[in-house]
Amino acid sequence: MHHLDALFSHVWMVRTFLKHSEELEDDPELSDIQRTLYDTMLALGSAWKDQDEAAYLKQAKKKLGKLRRATDSFTELQPEVSTHMNFQMAVRSLEQAVSEIESLLR
């Protein structure tokens, strides 16, 4: 659970980056991605606070499909939204974290 949570910290940071980006205001797809990342993290919050590993793993597995789809969407959308290094690195961070999360949960 602790290793997963460390990886999910990347998801949170990408979500925060997107939330505060000017590009989010003009792009409903980017906004949907940001909301999916937020929803994933929100679902894990109670279990983490209670240090309930079974509940944490259950929620993480439940959200994994949506998280993967949001990651894939962001990867595809990013060049159209911005080619700035910050966006490129956000994609890399999210892809790496989600790949490792998938490996741990499967």
C-alpha atoms as a PDB file:
ATOM      1  CA  MET A   1       0.000   0.000   0.000  1.00  0.00           C
ATOM      2  CA  HIS A   2       2.808   2.430   0.834  1.00  0.00           C
ATOM      3  CA  HIS A   3       4.601   1.764  -2.435  1.00  0.00           C
ATOM      4  CA  LEU A   4       1.359   2.276  -4.358  1.00  0.00           C
ATOM      5  CA  ASP A   5       0.678   5.502  -2.521  1.00  0.00           C
ATOM      6  CA  ALA A   6       4.125   6.803  -3.444  1.00  0.00           C
ATOM      7  CA  LEU A   7       3.288   6.117  -7.091  1.00  0.00           C
ATOM      8  CA  PHE A   8      -0.124   7.719  -6.729  1.00  0.00           C
ATOM      9  CA  SER A   9       1.641  10.881  -5.548  1.00  0.00           C
ATOM     10  CA  HIS A  10       2.697  11.314  -9.199  1.00  0.00           C
ATOM     11  CA  VAL A  11      -0.936  11.050 -10.261  1.00  0.00           C
ATOM     12  CA  TRP A  12      -1.794  13.776  -7.756  1.00  0.00           C
ATOM     13  CA  MET A  13       0.989  16.069  -8.943  1.00  0.00           C
ATOM     14  CA  VAL A  14      -0.002  15.688 -12.606  1.00  0.00           C
ATOM     15  CA  ARG A  15      -3.606  16.373 -11.617  1.00  0.00           C
ATOM     16  CA  THR A  16      -2.519  19.516  -9.772  1.00  0.00           C
ATOM     17  CA  PHE A  17      -0.389  20.652 -12.708  1.00  0.00           C
ATOM     18  CA  LEU A  18      -3.328  20.217 -15.086  1.00  0.00           C
ATOM     19  CA  LYS A  19      -5.781  21.897 -12.737  1.00  0.00           C
ATOM     20  CA  HIS A  20      -3.679  25.048 -12.588  1.00  0.00           C
ATOM     21  CA  SER A  21      -2.738  25.166 -16.267  1.00  0.00           C
ATOM     22  CA  GLU A  22      -4.262  27.834 -18.502  1.00  0.00           C
ATOM     23  CA  GLU A  23      -4.809  25.172 -21.164  1.00  0.00           C
ATOM     24  CA  LEU A  24      -7.386  23.428 -18.971  1.00  0.00           C
ATOM     25  CA  GLU A  25      -9.801  26.342 -19.280  1.00  0.00           C
ATOM     26  CA  ASP A  26     -10.119  25.900 -23.046  1.00  0.00           C
ATOM     27  CA  ASP A  27     -10.089  22.120 -23.316  1.00  0.00           C
ATOM     28  CA  PRO A  28     -12.970  19.962 -22.040  1.00  0.00           C
ATOM     29  CA  GLU A  29     -11.029  16.748 -22.735  1.00  0.00           C
ATOM     30  CA  LEU A  30      -8.146  17.928 -20.573  1.00  0.00           C
ATOM     31  CA  SER A  31     -10.636  18.896 -17.899  1.00  0.00           C
ATOM     32  CA  ASP A  32     -12.114  15.377 -17.981  1.00  0.00           C
ATOM     33  CA  ILE A  33      -8.652  13.873 -17.547  1.00  0.00           C
ATOM     34  CA  GLN A  34      -7.960  16.135 -14.567  1.00  0.00           C
ATOM     35  CA  ARG A  35     -11.293  15.148 -12.988  1.00  0.00           C
ATOM     36  CA  THR A  36     -10.593  11.446 -13.474  1.00  0.00           C
ATOM     37  CA  LEU A  37      -7.216  11.797 -11.768  1.00  0.00           C
ATOM     38  CA  TYR A  38      -8.888  13.679  -8.918  1.00  0.00           C
ATOM     39  CA  ASP A  39     -11.658  11.077  -8.622  1.00  0.00           C
ATOM     40  CA  THR A  40      -9.065   8.309  -8.396  1.00  0.00           C
ATOM     41  CA  MET A  41      -7.213  10.056  -5.601  1.00  0.00           C
ATOM     42  CA  LEU A  42     -10.416  10.945  -3.758  1.00  0.00           C
ATOM     43  CA  ALA A  43     -11.459   7.281  -3.790  1.00  0.00           C
ATOM     44  CA  LEU A  44      -8.206   6.288  -2.074  1.00  0.00           C
ATOM     45  CA  GLY A  45      -8.257   8.982   0.591  1.00  0.00           C
ATOM     46  CA  SER A  46     -10.339   7.334   3.307  1.00  0.00           C
ATOM     47  CA  ALA A  47      -8.564   4.010   3.064  1.00  0.00           C
ATOM     48  CA  TRP A  48      -5.181   5.739   3.253  1.00  0.00           C
ATOM     49  CA  LYS A  49      -6.253   7.838   6.233  1.00  0.00           C
ATOM     50  CA  ASP A  50      -7.444   4.694   8.042  1.00  0.00           C
ATOM     51  CA  GLN A  51      -4.406   2.727   6.845  1.00  0.00           C
ATOM     52  CA  ASP A  52      -6.846   0.062   5.628  1.00  0.00           C
ATOM     53  CA  GLU A  53      -4.792  -1.887   3.132  1.00  0.00           C
ATOM     54  CA  ALA A  54      -7.647  -4.119   1.931  1.00  0.00           C
ATOM     55  CA  ALA A  55      -9.913  -1.135   1.224  1.00  0.00           C
ATOM     56  CA  TYR A  56      -7.055   0.773  -0.406  1.00  0.00           C
ATOM     57  CA  LEU A  57      -6.219  -2.085  -2.758  1.00  0.00           C
ATOM     58  CA  LYS A  58      -9.888  -2.638  -3.569  1.00  0.00           C
ATOM     59  CA  GLN A  59     -10.385   1.026  -4.520  1.00  0.00           C
ATOM     60  CA  ALA A  60      -7.121   1.162  -6.461  1.00  0.00           C
ATOM     61  CA  LYS A  61      -8.141  -1.884  -8.516  1.00  0.00           C
ATOM     62  CA  LYS A  62     -11.616  -0.462  -9.035  1.00  0.00           C
ATOM     63  CA  LYS A  63     -10.217   2.828 -10.408  1.00  0.00           C
ATOM     64  CA  LEU A  64      -7.405   1.312 -12.461  1.00  0.00           C
ATOM     65  CA  GLY A  65      -9.310   1.089 -15.768  1.00  0.00           C
ATOM     66  CA  LYS A  66     -10.410   4.725 -15.677  1.00  0.00           C
ATOM     67  CA  LEU A  67      -6.927   5.789 -14.626  1.00  0.00           C
ATOM     68  CA  ARG A  68      -5.380   3.922 -17.561  1.00  0.00           C
ATOM     69  CA  ARG A  69      -7.871   5.432 -20.022  1.00  0.00           C
ATOM     70  CA  ALA A  70      -7.203   8.943 -18.671  1.00  0.00           C
ATOM     71  CA  THR A  71      -3.464   8.357 -18.986  1.00  0.00           C
ATOM     72  CA  ASP A  72      -3.814   7.141 -22.557  1.00  0.00           C
ATOM     73  CA  SER A  73      -6.040  10.107 -23.397  1.00  0.00           C
ATOM     74  CA  PHE A  74      -3.554  12.556 -21.907  1.00  0.00           C
ATOM     75  CA  THR A  75      -0.696  10.933 -23.829  1.00  0.00           C
ATOM     76  CA  GLU A  76      -2.615  11.283 -27.077  1.00  0.00           C
ATOM     77  CA  LEU A  77      -3.939  14.780 -26.370  1.00  0.00           C
ATOM     78  CA  GLN A  78      -0.798  16.381 -24.951  1.00  0.00           C
ATOM     79  CA  PRO A  79       0.902  17.337 -28.256  1.00  0.00           C
ATOM     80  CA  GLU A  80      -2.274  19.122 -29.350  1.00  0.00           C
ATOM     81  CA  VAL A  81      -2.624  20.950 -26.029  1.00  0.00           C
ATOM     82  CA  SER A  82       0.984  22.034 -25.583  1.00  0.00           C
ATOM     83  CA  THR A  83       4.449  20.943 -26.614  1.00  0.00           C
ATOM     84  CA  HIS A  84       5.983  22.684 -23.601  1.00  0.00           C
ATOM     85  CA  MET A  85       8.407  20.542 -21.624  1.00  0.00           C
ATOM     86  CA  ASN A  86       6.142  20.745 -18.547  1.00  0.00           C
ATOM     87  CA  PHE A  87       3.372  18.934 -20.418  1.00  0.00           C
ATOM     88  CA  GLN A  88       5.797  16.416 -21.886  1.00  0.00           C
ATOM     89  CA  MET A  89       7.174  15.614 -18.448  1.00  0.00           C
ATOM     90  CA  ALA A  90       3.679  15.392 -16.952  1.00  0.00           C
ATOM     91  CA  VAL A  91       2.819  12.729 -19.531  1.00  0.00           C
ATOM     92  CA  ARG A  92       6.014  10.820 -18.789  1.00  0.00           C
ATOM     93  CA  SER A  93       5.425  10.994 -15.055  1.00  0.00           C
ATOM     94  CA  LEU A  94       1.826   9.826 -15.337  1.00  0.00           C
ATOM     95  CA  GLU A  95       2.658   7.033 -17.795  1.00  0.00           C
ATOM     96  CA  GLN A  96       5.464   5.717 -15.598  1.00  0.00           C
ATOM     97  CA  ALA A  97       3.454   5.864 -12.390  1.00  0.00           C
ATOM     98  CA  VAL A  98       0.389   4.203 -13.907  1.00  0.00           C
ATOM     99  CA  SER A  99       2.481   1.451 -15.507  1.00  0.00           C
ATOM    100  CA  GLU A 100       4.043   0.665 -12.153  1.00  0.00           C
ATOM    101  CA  ILE A 101       0.661   0.853 -10.382  1.00  0.00           C
ATOM    102  CA  GLU A 102      -0.739  -1.631 -12.911  1.00  0.00           C
ATOM    103  CA  SER A 103       2.172  -3.983 -12.331  1.00  0.00           C
ATOM    104  CA  LEU A 104       1.670  -3.925  -8.588  1.00  0.00           C
ATOM    105  CA  LEU A 105      -2.090  -4.417  -8.760  1.00  0.00           C
ATOM    106  CA  ARG A 106      -2.065  -7.314 -11.240  1.00  0.00           C
END
